[in-house]
Amino acid sequence: MIVRELAPSDKTAIVALALESWSDAPFRNETPDMERIGKASDWFIASPDAKGWLLCDGETVRGVLGVLFTNHMFTGRRLGIQWWWWVQPGARNGSGLLLLREAEKWAREHGATALQLLAPSPTFRSLCERLDYSPIEMMYQKELV
């Protein structure tokens, strides 16, 4: 497995990964909006405050990690925030950590003082803690429909 930077020509691959990852997502009971996924992918690829990497097995894309930069609203501290991290189940032999290490390195080199990861499940929370990530806040959601 190798990690390479996401390029504009990878849009088709990341849209396919979005659909493939849908069953693992907290929003899996909703219907995917293909047009929205395509537009979000275009925006991410073009954004100067975003960077992504693909996990590849030869020419086959097996995973993705995307990071957005933002400045903390009170401190101005530059933060990297996970936009998306997903690896195909058959490739989850630790190789997803190759993506994370690349994201950490890049964020550090571009002025981020911290990287924040989403933890949608107990398994992922446990992984984050094993990797020395600390919980800082908890998010709750209420449907307003």
N, C-alpha and C. Protein backbone atom coordinates (compact mmCIF):
# COMPACT_ATOMS: atom_id res chain seq x y z
N MET A 1 0.84 -1.18 0.00
CA MET A 1 0.00 0.00 0.00
C MET A 1 0.88 1.24 0.00
N ILE A 2 0.48 2.21 -0.78
CA ILE A 2 1.18 3.49 -0.79
C ILE A 2 0.16 4.60 -0.54
N VAL A 3 0.67 5.73 -0.07
CA VAL A 3 -0.14 6.93 0.14
C VAL A 3 0.31 7.96 -0.87
N ARG A 4 -0.66 8.59 -1.52
CA ARG A 4 -0.33 9.68 -2.42
C ARG A 4 -1.34 10.81 -2.24
N GLU A 5 -0.93 12.00 -2.64
CA GLU A 5 -1.81 13.16 -2.51
C GLU A 5 -3.00 13.02 -3.45
N LEU A 6 -4.12 13.51 -2.99
CA LEU A 6 -5.34 13.58 -3.78
C LEU A 6 -5.16 14.61 -4.88
N ALA A 7 -5.56 14.27 -6.08
CA ALA A 7 -5.45 15.18 -7.24
C ALA A 7 -6.84 15.41 -7.83
N PRO A 8 -7.01 16.50 -8.59
CA PRO A 8 -8.31 16.75 -9.22
C PRO A 8 -8.82 15.56 -10.04
N SER A 9 -7.92 14.83 -10.64
CA SER A 9 -8.32 13.67 -11.46
C SER A 9 -8.87 12.52 -10.61
N ASP A 10 -8.80 12.62 -9.28
CA ASP A 10 -9.27 11.55 -8.39
C ASP A 10 -10.73 11.71 -7.98
N LYS A 11 -11.42 12.70 -8.53
CA LYS A 11 -12.80 12.94 -8.11
C LYS A 11 -13.67 11.69 -8.24
N THR A 12 -13.58 11.00 -9.36
CA THR A 12 -14.40 9.80 -9.56
C THR A 12 -14.13 8.77 -8.47
N ALA A 13 -12.87 8.59 -8.12
CA ALA A 13 -12.50 7.60 -7.10
C ALA A 13 -13.04 7.99 -5.73
N ILE A 14 -12.98 9.28 -5.39
CA ILE A 14 -13.46 9.64 -4.05
C ILE A 14 -14.99 9.64 -3.98
N VAL A 15 -15.65 9.94 -5.08
CA VAL A 15 -17.12 9.82 -5.09
C VAL A 15 -17.50 8.35 -4.92
N ALA A 16 -16.79 7.46 -5.58
CA ALA A 16 -17.05 6.02 -5.43
C ALA A 16 -16.80 5.58 -3.99
N LEU A 17 -15.73 6.08 -3.36
CA LEU A 17 -15.47 5.75 -1.96
C LEU A 17 -16.56 6.28 -1.05
N ALA A 18 -17.09 7.46 -1.36
CA ALA A 18 -18.18 8.03 -0.55
C ALA A 18 -19.36 7.07 -0.53
N LEU A 19 -19.72 6.55 -1.69
CA LEU A 19 -20.84 5.60 -1.75
C LEU A 19 -20.51 4.30 -1.04
N GLU A 20 -19.28 3.85 -1.22
CA GLU A 20 -18.86 2.60 -0.59
C GLU A 20 -18.84 2.74 0.94
N SER A 21 -18.49 3.92 1.43
CA SER A 21 -18.38 4.14 2.87
C SER A 21 -19.73 4.42 3.52
N TRP A 22 -20.76 4.62 2.73
CA TRP A 22 -22.06 5.05 3.24
C TRP A 22 -22.58 4.14 4.34
N SER A 23 -22.44 2.84 4.21
CA SER A 23 -22.99 1.91 5.20
C SER A 23 -22.29 2.01 6.56
N ASP A 24 -21.09 2.59 6.60
CA ASP A 24 -20.37 2.77 7.87
C ASP A 24 -20.67 4.12 8.52
N ALA A 25 -21.33 5.01 7.80
CA ALA A 25 -21.50 6.38 8.26
C ALA A 25 -22.65 6.53 9.25
N PRO A 26 -22.54 7.49 10.17
CA PRO A 26 -23.65 7.75 11.11
C PRO A 26 -24.94 8.16 10.40
N PHE A 27 -24.82 8.68 9.19
CA PHE A 27 -25.98 9.13 8.42
C PHE A 27 -26.43 8.09 7.39
N ARG A 28 -26.06 6.84 7.60
CA ARG A 28 -26.30 5.77 6.63
C ARG A 28 -27.78 5.55 6.30
N ASN A 29 -28.70 6.02 7.14
CA ASN A 29 -30.12 5.84 6.87
C ASN A 29 -30.68 6.92 5.95
N GLU A 30 -29.86 7.87 5.58
CA GLU A 30 -30.27 8.92 4.66
C GLU A 30 -29.89 8.53 3.24
N THR A 31 -30.49 9.18 2.27
CA THR A 31 -30.22 8.89 0.87
C THR A 31 -29.06 9.76 0.39
N PRO A 32 -28.04 9.16 -0.21
CA PRO A 32 -26.92 9.96 -0.71
C PRO A 32 -27.35 10.88 -1.85
N ASP A 33 -26.89 12.11 -1.81
CA ASP A 33 -27.15 13.09 -2.85
C ASP A 33 -25.90 13.15 -3.73
N MET A 34 -25.94 12.45 -4.84
CA MET A 34 -24.76 12.33 -5.69
C MET A 34 -24.26 13.68 -6.20
N GLU A 35 -25.17 14.57 -6.53
CA GLU A 35 -24.74 15.89 -6.99
C GLU A 35 -24.00 16.63 -5.88
N ARG A 36 -24.52 16.54 -4.67
CA ARG A 36 -23.89 17.19 -3.52
C ARG A 36 -22.51 16.58 -3.23
N ILE A 37 -22.41 15.27 -3.31
CA ILE A 37 -21.12 14.61 -3.07
C ILE A 37 -20.10 15.09 -4.09
N GLY A 38 -20.51 15.19 -5.35
CA GLY A 38 -19.62 15.68 -6.40
C GLY A 38 -19.18 17.11 -6.15
N LYS A 39 -20.12 17.98 -5.78
CA LYS A 39 -19.80 19.39 -5.51
C LYS A 39 -18.89 19.52 -4.29
N ALA A 40 -19.16 18.74 -3.25
CA ALA A 40 -18.32 18.79 -2.06
C ALA A 40 -16.90 18.32 -2.39
N SER A 41 -16.80 17.31 -3.24
CA SER A 41 -15.48 16.82 -3.66
C SER A 41 -14.74 17.89 -4.45
N ASP A 42 -15.44 18.54 -5.38
CA ASP A 42 -14.82 19.64 -6.15
C ASP A 42 -14.32 20.74 -5.23
N TRP A 43 -15.17 21.13 -4.27
CA TRP A 43 -14.80 22.19 -3.34
C TRP A 43 -13.56 21.80 -2.54
N PHE A 44 -13.56 20.58 -2.01
CA PHE A 44 -12.44 20.13 -1.20
C PHE A 44 -11.14 20.13 -2.00
N ILE A 45 -11.19 19.56 -3.20
CA ILE A 45 -9.99 19.46 -4.04
C ILE A 45 -9.44 20.83 -4.39
N ALA A 46 -10.33 21.82 -4.59
CA ALA A 46 -9.90 23.16 -4.99
C ALA A 46 -9.52 24.07 -3.83
N SER A 47 -9.89 23.70 -2.62
CA SER A 47 -9.69 24.60 -1.48
C SER A 47 -8.21 24.71 -1.08
N PRO A 48 -7.73 25.94 -0.89
CA PRO A 48 -6.36 26.11 -0.42
C PRO A 48 -6.20 25.72 1.06
N ASP A 49 -7.33 25.60 1.76
CA ASP A 49 -7.30 25.22 3.18
C ASP A 49 -7.67 23.76 3.39
N ALA A 50 -7.43 22.93 2.39
CA ALA A 50 -7.74 21.51 2.49
C ALA A 50 -6.66 20.70 1.80
N LYS A 51 -6.51 19.48 2.28
CA LYS A 51 -5.53 18.57 1.67
C LYS A 51 -6.05 17.16 1.87
N GLY A 52 -5.84 16.31 0.88
CA GLY A 52 -6.28 14.94 0.99
C GLY A 52 -5.25 13.96 0.48
N TRP A 53 -5.36 12.72 0.93
CA TRP A 53 -4.46 11.65 0.54
C TRP A 53 -5.28 10.40 0.26
N LEU A 54 -4.76 9.60 -0.65
CA LEU A 54 -5.40 8.33 -0.98
C LEU A 54 -4.48 7.18 -0.60
N LEU A 55 -5.07 6.12 -0.14
CA LEU A 55 -4.36 4.88 0.13
C LEU A 55 -4.58 3.99 -1.09
N CYS A 56 -3.49 3.61 -1.75
CA CYS A 56 -3.61 2.88 -3.02
C CYS A 56 -2.88 1.55 -2.96
N ASP A 57 -3.52 0.57 -3.58
CA ASP A 57 -2.93 -0.74 -3.79
C ASP A 57 -2.77 -0.85 -5.30
N GLY A 58 -1.59 -0.50 -5.78
CA GLY A 58 -1.39 -0.38 -7.22
C GLY A 58 -2.21 0.79 -7.72
N GLU A 59 -3.07 0.55 -8.71
CA GLU A 59 -3.93 1.60 -9.25
C GLU A 59 -5.28 1.68 -8.52
N THR A 60 -5.52 0.76 -7.60
CA THR A 60 -6.81 0.70 -6.91
C THR A 60 -6.78 1.54 -5.64
N VAL A 61 -7.74 2.46 -5.51
CA VAL A 61 -7.85 3.30 -4.32
C VAL A 61 -8.58 2.51 -3.24
N ARG A 62 -7.96 2.40 -2.07
CA ARG A 62 -8.51 1.63 -0.96
C ARG A 62 -8.99 2.49 0.21
N GLY A 63 -8.54 3.77 0.24
CA GLY A 63 -8.92 4.62 1.36
C GLY A 63 -8.62 6.08 1.08
N VAL A 64 -9.13 6.93 1.95
CA VAL A 64 -8.98 8.38 1.79
C VAL A 64 -8.92 9.03 3.17
N LEU A 65 -8.16 10.10 3.25
CA LEU A 65 -8.16 10.96 4.44
C LEU A 65 -8.06 12.39 3.94
N GLY A 66 -8.99 13.22 4.39
CA GLY A 66 -8.98 14.64 4.04
C GLY A 66 -8.96 15.49 5.29
N VAL A 67 -8.20 16.58 5.25
CA VAL A 67 -8.06 17.50 6.38
C VAL A 67 -8.37 18.91 5.92
N LEU A 68 -9.12 19.63 6.74
CA LEU A 68 -9.39 21.06 6.52
C LEU A 68 -8.64 21.85 7.56
N PHE A 69 -8.17 23.02 7.18
CA PHE A 69 -7.56 23.94 8.14
C PHE A 69 -8.58 24.99 8.56
N THR A 70 -8.51 25.37 9.81
CA THR A 70 -9.28 26.50 10.31
C THR A 70 -8.50 27.13 11.45
N ASN A 71 -8.86 28.33 11.79
CA ASN A 71 -8.27 29.00 12.94
C ASN A 71 -9.29 29.03 14.06
N HIS A 72 -8.85 28.67 15.27
CA HIS A 72 -9.75 28.65 16.41
C HIS A 72 -10.32 30.05 16.62
N MET A 73 -11.61 30.14 16.82
CA MET A 73 -12.27 31.45 16.87
C MET A 73 -11.84 32.32 18.04
N PHE A 74 -11.34 31.74 19.12
CA PHE A 74 -10.93 32.54 20.28
C PHE A 74 -9.43 32.74 20.38
N THR A 75 -8.67 31.74 19.96
CA THR A 75 -7.22 31.81 20.15
C THR A 75 -6.45 32.09 18.86
N GLY A 76 -7.09 31.86 17.73
CA GLY A 76 -6.41 32.00 16.45
C GLY A 76 -5.51 30.82 16.12
N ARG A 77 -5.44 29.87 17.02
CA ARG A 77 -4.61 28.68 16.83
C ARG A 77 -5.03 27.96 15.55
N ARG A 78 -4.07 27.59 14.73
CA ARG A 78 -4.34 26.90 13.46
C ARG A 78 -4.58 25.42 13.75
N LEU A 79 -5.72 24.91 13.29
CA LEU A 79 -6.11 23.54 13.55
C LEU A 79 -6.36 22.79 12.25
N GLY A 80 -5.99 21.54 12.23
CA GLY A 80 -6.38 20.64 11.16
C GLY A 80 -7.57 19.84 11.66
N ILE A 81 -8.60 19.74 10.84
CA ILE A 81 -9.81 19.01 11.24
C ILE A 81 -10.12 17.97 10.17
N GLN A 82 -10.32 16.75 10.62
CA GLN A 82 -10.64 15.67 9.69
C GLN A 82 -11.92 15.99 8.96
N TRP A 83 -11.86 15.94 7.64
CA TRP A 83 -13.04 16.11 6.80
C TRP A 83 -13.64 14.74 6.52
N TRP A 84 -12.75 13.76 6.27
CA TRP A 84 -13.21 12.42 5.93
C TRP A 84 -12.03 11.46 6.07
N TRP A 85 -12.27 10.34 6.70
CA TRP A 85 -11.26 9.28 6.79
C TRP A 85 -11.99 7.96 6.69
N TRP A 86 -11.70 7.23 5.67
CA TRP A 86 -12.33 5.93 5.49
C TRP A 86 -11.41 5.02 4.70
N VAL A 87 -11.35 3.76 5.13
CA VAL A 87 -10.56 2.74 4.45
C VAL A 87 -11.46 1.52 4.24
N GLN A 88 -11.37 0.93 3.06
CA GLN A 88 -12.17 -0.27 2.77
C GLN A 88 -11.90 -1.34 3.83
N PRO A 89 -12.93 -2.06 4.26
CA PRO A 89 -12.75 -3.07 5.30
C PRO A 89 -11.61 -4.05 5.02
N GLY A 90 -11.44 -4.50 3.79
CA GLY A 90 -10.39 -5.46 3.46
C GLY A 90 -8.98 -4.89 3.55
N ALA A 91 -8.87 -3.57 3.64
CA ALA A 91 -7.55 -2.92 3.71
C ALA A 91 -7.27 -2.37 5.10
N ARG A 92 -8.12 -2.69 6.06
CA ARG A 92 -7.96 -2.16 7.42
C ARG A 92 -7.02 -3.03 8.25
N ASN A 93 -5.82 -3.11 7.80
CA ASN A 93 -4.81 -3.89 8.51
C ASN A 93 -3.77 -2.96 9.12
N GLY A 94 -4.19 -1.76 9.46
CA GLY A 94 -3.27 -0.76 9.99
C GLY A 94 -2.79 0.20 8.92
N SER A 95 -3.09 -0.08 7.66
CA SER A 95 -2.60 0.79 6.60
C SER A 95 -3.27 2.16 6.60
N GLY A 96 -4.43 2.27 7.21
CA GLY A 96 -5.07 3.58 7.35
C GLY A 96 -4.23 4.54 8.16
N LEU A 97 -3.36 3.98 9.01
CA LEU A 97 -2.46 4.82 9.80
C LEU A 97 -1.43 5.51 8.92
N LEU A 98 -1.14 4.91 7.76
CA LEU A 98 -0.24 5.58 6.81
C LEU A 98 -0.85 6.91 6.38
N LEU A 99 -2.16 6.92 6.15
CA LEU A 99 -2.86 8.15 5.79
C LEU A 99 -2.77 9.16 6.93
N LEU A 100 -3.02 8.70 8.14
CA LEU A 100 -3.00 9.61 9.30
C LEU A 100 -1.62 10.21 9.51
N ARG A 101 -0.59 9.42 9.41
CA ARG A 101 0.77 9.93 9.61
C ARG A 101 1.11 11.00 8.57
N GLU A 102 0.67 10.79 7.34
CA GLU A 102 0.91 11.78 6.29
C GLU A 102 0.15 13.07 6.60
N ALA A 103 -1.09 12.94 7.06
CA ALA A 103 -1.89 14.12 7.41
C ALA A 103 -1.26 14.88 8.59
N GLU A 104 -0.80 14.15 9.60
CA GLU A 104 -0.16 14.81 10.74
C GLU A 104 1.09 15.56 10.31
N LYS A 105 1.89 14.91 9.50
CA LYS A 105 3.14 15.54 9.02
C LYS A 105 2.83 16.80 8.22
N TRP A 106 1.90 16.71 7.29
CA TRP A 106 1.57 17.85 6.45
C TRP A 106 0.98 18.99 7.28
N ALA A 107 0.08 18.66 8.20
CA ALA A 107 -0.54 19.70 9.03
C ALA A 107 0.52 20.42 9.86
N ARG A 108 1.43 19.66 10.44
CA ARG A 108 2.52 20.26 11.22
C ARG A 108 3.36 21.19 10.36
N GLU A 109 3.71 20.73 9.17
CA GLU A 109 4.55 21.52 8.26
C GLU A 109 3.84 22.79 7.76
N HIS A 110 2.51 22.82 7.86
CA HIS A 110 1.75 23.98 7.38
C HIS A 110 1.13 24.78 8.52
N GLY A 111 1.74 24.69 9.68
CA GLY A 111 1.39 25.59 10.78
C GLY A 111 0.31 25.14 11.73
N ALA A 112 -0.25 23.96 11.55
CA ALA A 112 -1.27 23.49 12.50
C ALA A 112 -0.59 23.09 13.81
N THR A 113 -1.23 23.44 14.90
CA THR A 113 -0.71 23.05 16.21
C THR A 113 -1.46 21.86 16.78
N ALA A 114 -2.54 21.45 16.12
CA ALA A 114 -3.30 20.27 16.55
C ALA A 114 -4.07 19.72 15.35
N LEU A 115 -4.38 18.43 15.44
CA LEU A 115 -5.21 17.77 14.45
C LEU A 115 -6.38 17.14 15.20
N GLN A 116 -7.59 17.41 14.74
CA GLN A 116 -8.79 16.88 15.38
C GLN A 116 -9.39 15.80 14.50
N LEU A 117 -9.74 14.68 15.14
CA LEU A 117 -10.33 13.54 14.43
C LEU A 117 -11.76 13.32 14.90
N LEU A 118 -12.62 12.92 13.98
CA LEU A 118 -13.98 12.52 14.33
C LEU A 118 -13.93 11.11 14.90
N ALA A 119 -14.79 10.83 15.85
CA ALA A 119 -14.82 9.51 16.46
C ALA A 119 -16.27 9.04 16.56
N PRO A 120 -16.83 8.53 15.46
CA PRO A 120 -18.25 8.20 15.43
C PRO A 120 -18.64 6.89 16.11
N SER A 121 -17.68 6.15 16.62
CA SER A 121 -18.00 4.86 17.25
C SER A 121 -17.04 4.59 18.40
N PRO A 122 -17.44 3.70 19.32
CA PRO A 122 -16.53 3.33 20.41
C PRO A 122 -15.20 2.76 19.90
N THR A 123 -15.24 2.00 18.82
CA THR A 123 -14.01 1.44 18.25
C THR A 123 -13.08 2.55 17.81
N PHE A 124 -13.64 3.55 17.14
CA PHE A 124 -12.81 4.65 16.65
C PHE A 124 -12.31 5.52 17.82
N ARG A 125 -13.15 5.71 18.84
CA ARG A 125 -12.70 6.48 20.02
C ARG A 125 -11.51 5.78 20.67
N SER A 126 -11.59 4.46 20.76
CA SER A 126 -10.49 3.68 21.33
C SER A 126 -9.21 3.83 20.50
N LEU A 127 -9.35 3.79 19.17
CA LEU A 127 -8.19 3.98 18.30
C LEU A 127 -7.57 5.36 18.53
N CYS A 128 -8.41 6.38 18.58
CA CYS A 128 -7.90 7.75 18.79
C CYS A 128 -7.11 7.83 20.09
N GLU A 129 -7.63 7.26 21.14
CA GLU A 129 -6.94 7.30 22.44
C GLU A 129 -5.62 6.53 22.39
N ARG A 130 -5.59 5.40 21.69
CA ARG A 130 -4.33 4.64 21.55
C ARG A 130 -3.29 5.43 20.77
N LEU A 131 -3.75 6.35 19.91
CA LEU A 131 -2.84 7.17 19.10
C LEU A 131 -2.52 8.51 19.78
N ASP A 132 -2.85 8.63 21.07
CA ASP A 132 -2.58 9.83 21.88
C ASP A 132 -3.43 11.04 21.50
N TYR A 133 -4.60 10.81 20.93
CA TYR A 133 -5.56 11.89 20.73
C TYR A 133 -6.44 11.95 21.97
N SER A 134 -6.74 13.15 22.42
CA SER A 134 -7.55 13.34 23.63
C SER A 134 -8.93 13.88 23.26
N PRO A 135 -9.96 13.41 23.96
CA PRO A 135 -11.29 14.00 23.71
C PRO A 135 -11.30 15.44 24.22
N ILE A 136 -11.88 16.33 23.42
CA ILE A 136 -11.93 17.72 23.86
C ILE A 136 -13.36 18.25 23.96
N GLU A 137 -14.26 17.75 23.16
CA GLU A 137 -15.66 18.15 23.22
C GLU A 137 -16.50 17.00 22.70
N MET A 138 -17.76 17.05 23.00
CA MET A 138 -18.70 16.05 22.50
C MET A 138 -19.76 16.77 21.72
N MET A 139 -20.16 16.21 20.58
CA MET A 139 -21.18 16.84 19.75
C MET A 139 -22.48 16.04 19.88
N TYR A 140 -23.58 16.77 20.00
CA TYR A 140 -24.90 16.15 20.02
C TYR A 140 -25.71 16.72 18.87
N GLN A 141 -26.65 15.95 18.37
CA GLN A 141 -27.46 16.40 17.26
C GLN A 141 -28.92 16.11 17.53
N LYS A 142 -29.78 17.04 17.20
CA LYS A 142 -31.22 16.86 17.29
C LYS A 142 -31.80 17.11 15.91
N GLU A 143 -32.61 16.18 15.44
CA GLU A 143 -33.27 16.36 14.15
C GLU A 143 -34.36 17.40 14.31
N LEU A 144 -34.43 18.35 13.41
CA LEU A 144 -35.39 19.44 13.50
C LEU A 144 -36.53 19.33 12.50
N VAL A 145 -36.74 18.15 12.00
CA VAL A 145 -37.81 17.95 11.03
C VAL A 145 -39.05 17.43 11.68
